[in-house]
């Protein structure tokens, strides 16, 4: 009976031992059980009744120990099993995905401020919008400087502007400004005045000035000014070698193209002295060579002089004729006098020729 009871205890304890439970305790119980079986079933001899009684008492104690050990094993195994199951469960689950915080339900589509049909890439941050506004302001005028304009005029050997057709208005003047770019505080008001009178002008620039301040050349270009070549160093070219003249002219062509994306098509030699070599190099580069037919003499004026506006207007109007090619400079008193000068010319019935409407071949 006792032996059968021990067998039941061992069999009951066996399922408790799993890969997640205390195998060592079970092994100890099994070993103890084996020793008891050997003793009780005769592997260890029992000669007398007293010895059998003594052995049975040992079996009783062993049984008590086995019951206690089984109880403890069960308790420990349950704890280990729970922990093991939890760990195993966690190990079998994929790692949790951390979702970014949002005020919208998970199923709600992302909201945008773009109008229907507009690409999100087209949206701009406030800072980008500011930059875009600056660019948008500059682009239309810069684009106007490169738009196609009908060729209605040509230049004669006196450097006057002549209509190609008798039906085309001949009472026009060409506005030009030399020796820039110098200063945005001069360029902007000058361009404001031209815009006011819907006038275009050629700005003959020096290469060394463009190199120092390319942003000023870009300003003129973006505001619709037509860029002309006035040599690199503003030197008298007629006495220079062909190689030097070539460098003086072509270096300006290159830097203007680099800054504005467009190559000049007009050339004016400094001091009006290009000589035959200047005319040749200009022609080789597709440039219309010109000096002027009306000088404002603004370059002879000084800061301390009085009545500069009146003098400048008088200098121009005293020589004025149809097709006048008017020479001016980027100077404070010229900028100050320009509005009055253009108003005066308009009052005399003159309009302002668009330089882009002039053929690039003298005739």
Protein backbone atom coordinates (compact mmCIF):
# COMPACT_ATOMS: atom_id res chain seq x y z
CA UNK A 1 0.00 0.00 0.00
CA UNK A 2 2.76 2.40 0.96
CA UNK A 3 4.64 1.51 -2.22
CA UNK A 4 1.61 2.20 -4.36
CA UNK A 5 1.13 5.54 -2.60
CA UNK A 6 4.74 6.49 -3.35
CA UNK A 7 4.29 5.59 -7.01
CA UNK A 8 1.24 7.88 -7.21
CA UNK A 9 3.22 10.77 -5.65
CA UNK A 10 6.07 10.40 -8.14
CA UNK A 11 3.72 10.10 -11.09
CA UNK A 12 1.83 13.19 -9.88
CA UNK A 13 5.02 15.16 -9.53
CA UNK A 14 6.34 14.20 -12.95
CA UNK A 15 4.15 16.55 -15.03
CA UNK A 16 5.27 19.42 -12.84
CA UNK A 17 8.75 19.20 -14.29
CA UNK A 18 8.77 20.98 -17.59
CA UNK A 19 11.50 22.82 -19.41
CA UNK A 20 10.39 25.93 -17.47
CA UNK A 21 10.32 24.28 -14.02
CA UNK A 22 12.76 22.97 -11.37
CA UNK A 23 14.13 19.74 -12.89
CA UNK A 24 16.81 19.36 -10.24
CA UNK A 25 14.23 18.90 -7.42
CA UNK A 26 12.38 16.29 -9.43
CA UNK A 27 15.60 14.40 -10.12
CA UNK A 28 16.36 14.39 -6.38
CA UNK A 29 12.90 13.03 -5.60
CA UNK A 30 13.28 10.31 -8.19
CA UNK A 31 16.66 9.31 -6.79
CA UNK A 32 15.25 9.16 -3.24
CA UNK A 33 12.30 7.14 -4.47
CA UNK A 34 14.66 4.63 -6.11
CA UNK A 35 16.58 4.10 -2.89
CA UNK A 36 13.37 3.52 -0.93
CA UNK A 37 12.18 1.03 -3.52
CA UNK A 38 15.40 -0.89 -3.30
CA UNK A 39 15.08 -1.02 0.49
CA UNK A 40 11.43 -1.93 0.66
CA UNK A 41 11.30 -4.39 -2.21
CA UNK A 42 14.20 -6.43 -0.98
CA UNK A 43 17.19 -5.00 -2.74
CA UNK A 44 18.37 -4.15 0.76
CA UNK A 45 17.67 -7.38 2.75
CA UNK A 46 15.23 -7.39 5.71
CA UNK A 47 15.65 -10.53 7.99
CA UNK A 48 13.29 -9.84 10.89
CA UNK A 49 9.95 -8.30 11.59
CA UNK A 50 11.59 -5.56 13.62
CA UNK A 51 13.79 -4.72 10.70
CA UNK A 52 10.73 -4.60 8.41
CA UNK A 53 8.94 -2.38 10.91
CA UNK A 54 12.00 -0.16 11.04
CA UNK A 55 12.09 -0.01 7.25
CA UNK A 56 8.40 0.88 7.13
CA UNK A 57 8.98 3.79 9.49
CA UNK A 58 11.70 4.97 7.16
CA UNK A 59 9.26 4.70 4.29
CA UNK A 60 6.77 6.78 6.25
CA UNK A 61 9.34 9.51 6.89
CA UNK A 62 10.44 9.39 3.28
CA UNK A 63 6.81 9.65 2.21
CA UNK A 64 6.35 12.74 4.34
CA UNK A 65 9.48 14.28 2.88
CA UNK A 66 8.36 13.41 -0.63
CA UNK A 67 4.94 15.01 -0.04
CA UNK A 68 6.54 18.17 1.32
CA UNK A 69 9.07 18.29 -1.53
CA UNK A 70 6.31 17.74 -4.08
CA UNK A 71 4.31 20.59 -2.55
CA UNK A 72 7.29 22.95 -2.64
CA UNK A 73 8.18 21.85 -6.16
CA UNK A 74 4.65 22.54 -7.31
CA UNK A 75 4.65 26.04 -5.79
CA UNK A 76 8.04 26.93 -7.26
CA UNK A 77 7.16 25.46 -10.62
CA UNK A 78 3.96 27.50 -10.83
CA UNK A 79 5.89 30.72 -10.22
CA UNK A 80 8.62 29.77 -12.64
CA UNK A 81 6.04 28.66 -15.14
CA UNK A 82 4.20 31.96 -14.99
CA UNK A 83 7.42 33.88 -15.36
CA UNK A 84 8.60 31.61 -18.12
CA UNK A 85 5.29 31.81 -19.91
CA UNK A 86 5.35 35.60 -19.69
CA UNK A 87 8.89 35.75 -20.99
CA UNK A 88 8.09 33.28 -23.71
CA UNK A 89 5.00 35.24 -24.63
CA UNK A 90 6.95 38.46 -24.75
CA UNK A 91 9.65 36.81 -26.84
CA UNK A 92 7.05 35.62 -29.33
CA UNK A 93 5.53 39.08 -29.75
CA UNK A 94 7.07 41.55 -32.23
CA UNK A 95 8.57 44.67 -30.67
CA UNK A 96 6.06 47.42 -30.15
CA UNK A 97 6.07 50.17 -32.75
CA UNK A 98 6.25 53.65 -31.27
CA UNK A 99 3.76 55.88 -33.00
CA UNK A 100 4.46 59.61 -33.24
CA UNK A 101 2.20 61.82 -31.20
CA UNK A 102 -0.70 63.20 -33.16
CA UNK A 103 -3.91 65.04 -32.46
CA UNK A 104 -5.71 63.05 -35.11
CA UNK A 105 -7.18 59.54 -34.87
CA UNK A 106 -4.89 56.88 -36.25
CA UNK A 107 -7.23 56.28 -39.16
CA UNK A 108 -7.55 59.96 -40.11
CA UNK A 109 -5.72 61.04 -43.30
CA UNK A 110 -2.98 63.65 -42.98
CA UNK A 111 -4.27 67.18 -43.39
CA UNK A 112 -2.53 69.78 -45.59
CA UNK A 113 -3.05 73.44 -46.24
CA UNK A 114 -2.50 73.10 -49.97
CA UNK A 115 -5.42 73.84 -52.25
CA UNK A 116 -7.01 70.97 -54.14
CA UNK A 117 -4.71 69.66 -56.82
CA UNK A 118 -1.62 71.43 -55.53
CA UNK A 119 1.46 69.34 -54.87
CA UNK A 120 2.72 69.42 -51.26
CA UNK A 121 6.14 70.26 -52.68
CA UNK A 122 4.68 73.51 -53.91
CA UNK A 123 3.98 74.67 -50.37
CA UNK A 124 6.50 77.00 -48.74
CA UNK A 125 7.48 77.81 -45.22
CA UNK A 126 7.22 81.48 -44.20
CA UNK A 127 10.95 81.95 -44.72
CA UNK A 128 10.80 80.25 -48.11
CA UNK A 129 7.78 82.36 -49.03
CA UNK A 130 9.76 85.52 -48.34
CA UNK A 131 12.59 84.34 -50.59
CA UNK A 132 10.08 83.30 -53.23
CA UNK A 133 8.48 86.76 -53.12
CA UNK A 134 11.85 88.41 -53.72
CA UNK A 135 12.54 86.06 -56.62
CA UNK A 136 9.06 86.54 -58.05
CA UNK A 137 9.52 90.32 -57.96
CA UNK A 138 12.81 90.14 -59.80
CA UNK A 139 11.91 87.50 -62.38
CA UNK A 140 9.30 89.29 -64.49
CA UNK A 141 11.61 92.24 -65.13
CA UNK A 142 14.63 90.04 -65.76
CA UNK A 143 12.53 87.94 -68.12
CA UNK A 144 11.40 91.11 -69.91
CA UNK A 145 15.03 91.95 -70.55
CA UNK A 146 15.39 88.77 -72.62
CA UNK A 147 11.98 88.66 -74.37
CA UNK A 148 11.78 88.90 -78.13
CA UNK A 149 11.26 92.40 -79.49
CA UNK A 150 10.73 93.21 -83.19
CA UNK A 151 13.75 94.74 -84.95
CA UNK A 152 12.41 98.15 -85.93
CA UNK A 153 15.58 100.25 -85.95
CA UNK A 154 19.21 100.25 -86.96
CA UNK A 155 22.18 102.49 -86.20
CA UNK A 156 23.87 104.67 -88.81
CA UNK A 157 27.51 105.74 -88.98
CA UNK A 158 26.81 108.77 -86.81
CA UNK A 159 25.58 106.39 -84.12
CA UNK A 160 22.03 107.68 -84.45
CA UNK A 161 19.02 105.36 -84.28
CA UNK A 162 17.11 105.17 -87.58
CA UNK A 163 13.78 103.42 -88.25
CA UNK A 164 13.85 100.53 -90.72
CA UNK A 165 10.50 101.51 -92.12
CA UNK A 166 9.11 104.92 -92.96
CA UNK A 167 5.97 104.07 -91.00
CA UNK A 168 7.95 103.54 -87.78
CA UNK A 169 8.26 106.44 -85.36
CA UNK A 170 11.52 108.26 -86.00
CA UNK A 171 11.27 110.73 -83.13
CA UNK A 172 13.04 108.51 -80.64
CA UNK A 173 16.12 108.70 -78.45
CA UNK A 174 18.38 105.96 -77.07
CA UNK A 175 19.24 106.26 -73.36
CA UNK A 176 22.63 104.95 -72.23
CA UNK A 177 24.56 104.98 -68.95
CA UNK A 178 28.31 104.27 -68.74
CA UNK A 179 30.93 103.26 -66.16
CA UNK A 180 28.84 101.11 -63.84
CA UNK A 181 27.80 99.31 -61.84
CA UNK A 182 28.63 101.52 -58.87
CA UNK A 183 25.98 101.73 -56.17
CA UNK A 184 22.54 100.27 -55.50
CA UNK A 185 21.49 103.63 -54.04
CA UNK A 186 22.00 105.09 -57.51
CA UNK A 187 20.80 102.13 -59.54
CA UNK A 188 17.43 101.68 -57.84
CA UNK A 189 16.17 105.28 -58.16
CA UNK A 190 17.53 105.40 -61.71
CA UNK A 191 15.56 102.26 -62.57
CA UNK A 192 12.51 103.65 -60.77
CA UNK A 193 12.57 106.68 -63.07
CA UNK A 194 12.97 104.54 -66.18
CA UNK A 195 10.04 102.40 -65.08
CA UNK A 196 7.95 105.50 -64.45
CA UNK A 197 8.50 106.62 -68.04
CA UNK A 198 8.29 103.08 -69.47
CA UNK A 199 11.79 103.50 -70.82
CA UNK A 200 14.62 101.04 -71.44
CA UNK A 201 18.31 101.88 -71.43
CA UNK A 202 21.71 100.30 -72.09
CA UNK A 203 24.08 100.10 -69.12
CA UNK A 204 27.66 99.90 -70.39
CA UNK A 205 29.62 98.22 -67.60
CA UNK A 206 33.30 97.77 -66.76
CA UNK A 207 34.57 94.31 -65.95
CA UNK A 208 36.55 95.28 -62.88
CA UNK A 209 33.46 96.85 -61.33
CA UNK A 210 31.37 93.76 -62.07
CA UNK A 211 34.03 91.58 -60.45
CA UNK A 212 33.93 93.74 -57.30
CA UNK A 213 30.12 93.84 -57.11
CA UNK A 214 28.42 91.20 -59.27
CA UNK A 215 25.23 91.71 -57.27
CA UNK A 216 24.91 95.22 -58.70
CA UNK A 217 25.06 93.90 -62.24
CA UNK A 218 22.45 91.35 -61.30
CA UNK A 219 20.29 94.13 -59.88
CA UNK A 220 20.42 96.07 -63.15
CA UNK A 221 19.64 92.94 -65.13
CA UNK A 222 16.79 91.85 -62.88
CA UNK A 223 15.22 95.29 -63.08
CA UNK A 224 15.16 95.18 -66.86
CA UNK A 225 18.34 97.04 -67.78
CA UNK A 226 20.11 96.03 -70.99
CA UNK A 227 23.77 95.24 -70.28
CA UNK A 228 26.47 96.56 -72.62
CA UNK A 229 30.24 96.00 -72.74
CA UNK A 230 32.48 98.95 -71.80
CA UNK A 231 35.80 97.03 -71.57
CA UNK A 232 37.39 95.60 -68.44
CA UNK A 233 39.59 98.47 -67.22
CA UNK A 234 38.09 101.54 -68.91
CA UNK A 235 41.29 102.28 -70.82
CA UNK A 236 41.87 103.80 -74.26
CA UNK A 237 41.87 100.79 -76.59
CA UNK A 238 42.90 102.25 -79.94
CA UNK A 239 46.64 102.17 -79.08
CA UNK A 240 46.63 98.67 -77.56
CA UNK A 241 47.61 95.37 -79.19
CA UNK A 242 44.93 93.18 -80.65
CA UNK A 243 45.54 90.57 -77.95
CA UNK A 244 45.07 93.14 -75.18
CA UNK A 245 41.95 94.60 -76.74
CA UNK A 246 40.58 91.09 -77.21
CA UNK A 247 41.12 90.38 -73.52
CA UNK A 248 39.58 93.71 -72.45
CA UNK A 249 36.41 92.98 -74.41
CA UNK A 250 36.03 89.23 -74.09
CA UNK A 251 36.68 89.12 -70.34
CA UNK A 252 33.67 91.39 -69.90
CA UNK A 253 31.60 89.16 -72.18
CA UNK A 254 32.47 86.18 -70.00
CA UNK A 255 31.79 87.73 -66.60
CA UNK A 256 28.48 89.25 -67.67
CA UNK A 257 27.39 85.86 -69.03
CA UNK A 258 28.46 84.27 -65.77
CA UNK A 259 26.45 86.69 -63.63
CA UNK A 260 23.33 87.22 -65.73
CA UNK A 261 23.25 84.23 -68.04
CA UNK A 262 23.26 86.57 -71.06
CA UNK A 263 26.11 87.87 -73.21
CA UNK A 264 26.14 91.59 -74.12
CA UNK A 265 25.41 92.55 -77.75
CA UNK A 266 26.40 96.24 -77.51
CA UNK A 267 29.92 97.63 -77.12
CA UNK A 268 31.02 101.17 -76.36
CA UNK A 269 34.77 101.82 -76.11
CA UNK A 270 35.94 103.96 -73.17
CA UNK A 271 36.40 107.62 -74.13
CA UNK A 272 34.86 106.73 -77.49
CA UNK A 273 38.31 105.57 -78.64
CA UNK A 274 38.21 101.96 -79.79
CA UNK A 275 40.06 102.34 -83.06
CA UNK A 276 39.97 99.81 -85.85
CA UNK A 277 41.15 97.04 -83.55
CA UNK A 278 38.27 97.70 -81.15
CA UNK A 279 35.76 97.58 -84.02
CA UNK A 280 37.26 94.32 -85.28
CA UNK A 281 37.18 92.52 -81.90
CA UNK A 282 33.67 93.79 -81.25
CA UNK A 283 32.50 92.43 -84.61
CA UNK A 284 34.23 89.10 -83.92
CA UNK A 285 32.15 88.80 -80.75
CA UNK A 286 28.86 89.76 -82.40
CA UNK A 287 28.80 93.19 -80.73
CA UNK A 288 27.32 96.35 -82.21
CA UNK A 289 30.03 98.98 -81.83
CA UNK A 290 28.88 102.48 -80.91
CA UNK A 291 29.97 105.71 -79.30
CA UNK A 292 27.22 108.42 -78.99
CA UNK A 293 25.68 111.33 -80.81
CA UNK A 294 24.54 113.46 -77.83
CA UNK A 295 26.65 113.92 -74.71
CA UNK A 296 25.08 115.09 -71.45
CA UNK A 297 28.52 116.19 -70.21
CA UNK A 298 27.55 114.94 -66.76
CA UNK A 299 31.10 113.57 -66.39
CA UNK A 300 32.46 117.12 -66.37
CA UNK A 301 30.30 118.17 -63.42
CA UNK A 302 31.48 118.21 -59.81
CA UNK A 303 29.67 117.64 -56.55
CA UNK A 304 30.16 121.26 -55.53
CA UNK A 305 28.69 122.63 -58.77
CA UNK A 306 25.28 124.29 -58.61
CA UNK A 307 22.30 123.91 -60.98
CA UNK A 308 23.57 120.58 -62.28
CA UNK A 309 20.09 119.40 -63.29
CA UNK A 310 19.48 122.48 -65.42
CA UNK A 311 22.92 122.23 -67.00
CA UNK A 312 22.46 118.57 -67.86
CA UNK A 313 19.07 119.16 -69.46
CA UNK A 314 20.43 122.10 -71.43
CA UNK A 315 23.39 120.03 -72.64
CA UNK A 316 21.06 117.33 -73.96
CA UNK A 317 18.31 119.47 -75.46
CA UNK A 318 20.77 121.77 -77.22
CA UNK A 319 21.97 118.81 -79.32
CA UNK A 320 18.68 116.92 -79.47
CA UNK A 321 17.52 115.39 -82.76
CA UNK A 322 15.60 112.34 -83.92
CA UNK A 323 17.51 109.18 -83.16
CA UNK A 324 19.78 110.82 -80.56
CA UNK A 325 22.10 108.35 -78.86
CA UNK A 326 22.39 110.04 -75.45
CA UNK A 327 25.44 109.42 -73.28
CA UNK A 328 25.02 109.65 -69.49
CA UNK A 329 26.70 108.10 -66.46
CA UNK A 330 25.77 106.49 -63.18
CA UNK A 331 26.29 109.67 -61.15
CA UNK A 332 24.25 111.21 -58.31
CA UNK A 333 23.35 114.39 -60.20
CA UNK A 334 22.40 112.45 -63.32
CA UNK A 335 20.06 110.24 -61.30
CA UNK A 336 18.61 113.36 -59.68
CA UNK A 337 18.05 115.06 -63.04
CA UNK A 338 16.75 112.04 -64.95
CA UNK A 339 13.04 112.38 -64.21
CA UNK A 340 13.03 116.03 -65.27
CA UNK A 341 15.07 115.20 -68.36
CA UNK A 342 12.76 112.42 -69.54
CA UNK A 343 9.69 114.54 -68.84
CA UNK A 344 11.24 117.33 -70.91
CA UNK A 345 11.99 114.96 -73.80
CA UNK A 346 8.45 113.58 -73.70
CA UNK A 347 7.16 117.15 -73.73
CA UNK A 348 9.06 117.69 -76.99
CA UNK A 349 7.37 114.65 -78.54
CA UNK A 350 10.18 112.12 -78.13
CA UNK A 351 9.82 108.54 -77.01
CA UNK A 352 12.44 106.11 -75.82
CA UNK A 353 13.63 103.34 -78.12
CA UNK A 354 13.93 99.84 -76.72
CA UNK A 355 17.58 98.80 -77.32
CA UNK A 356 16.41 95.28 -78.14
CA UNK A 357 14.61 96.65 -81.24
CA UNK A 358 17.94 97.79 -82.77
CA UNK A 359 19.64 95.61 -85.38
CA UNK A 360 23.18 94.51 -84.48
CA UNK A 361 24.68 95.70 -87.75
CA UNK A 362 25.43 99.32 -88.58
CA UNK A 363 24.12 100.65 -91.90
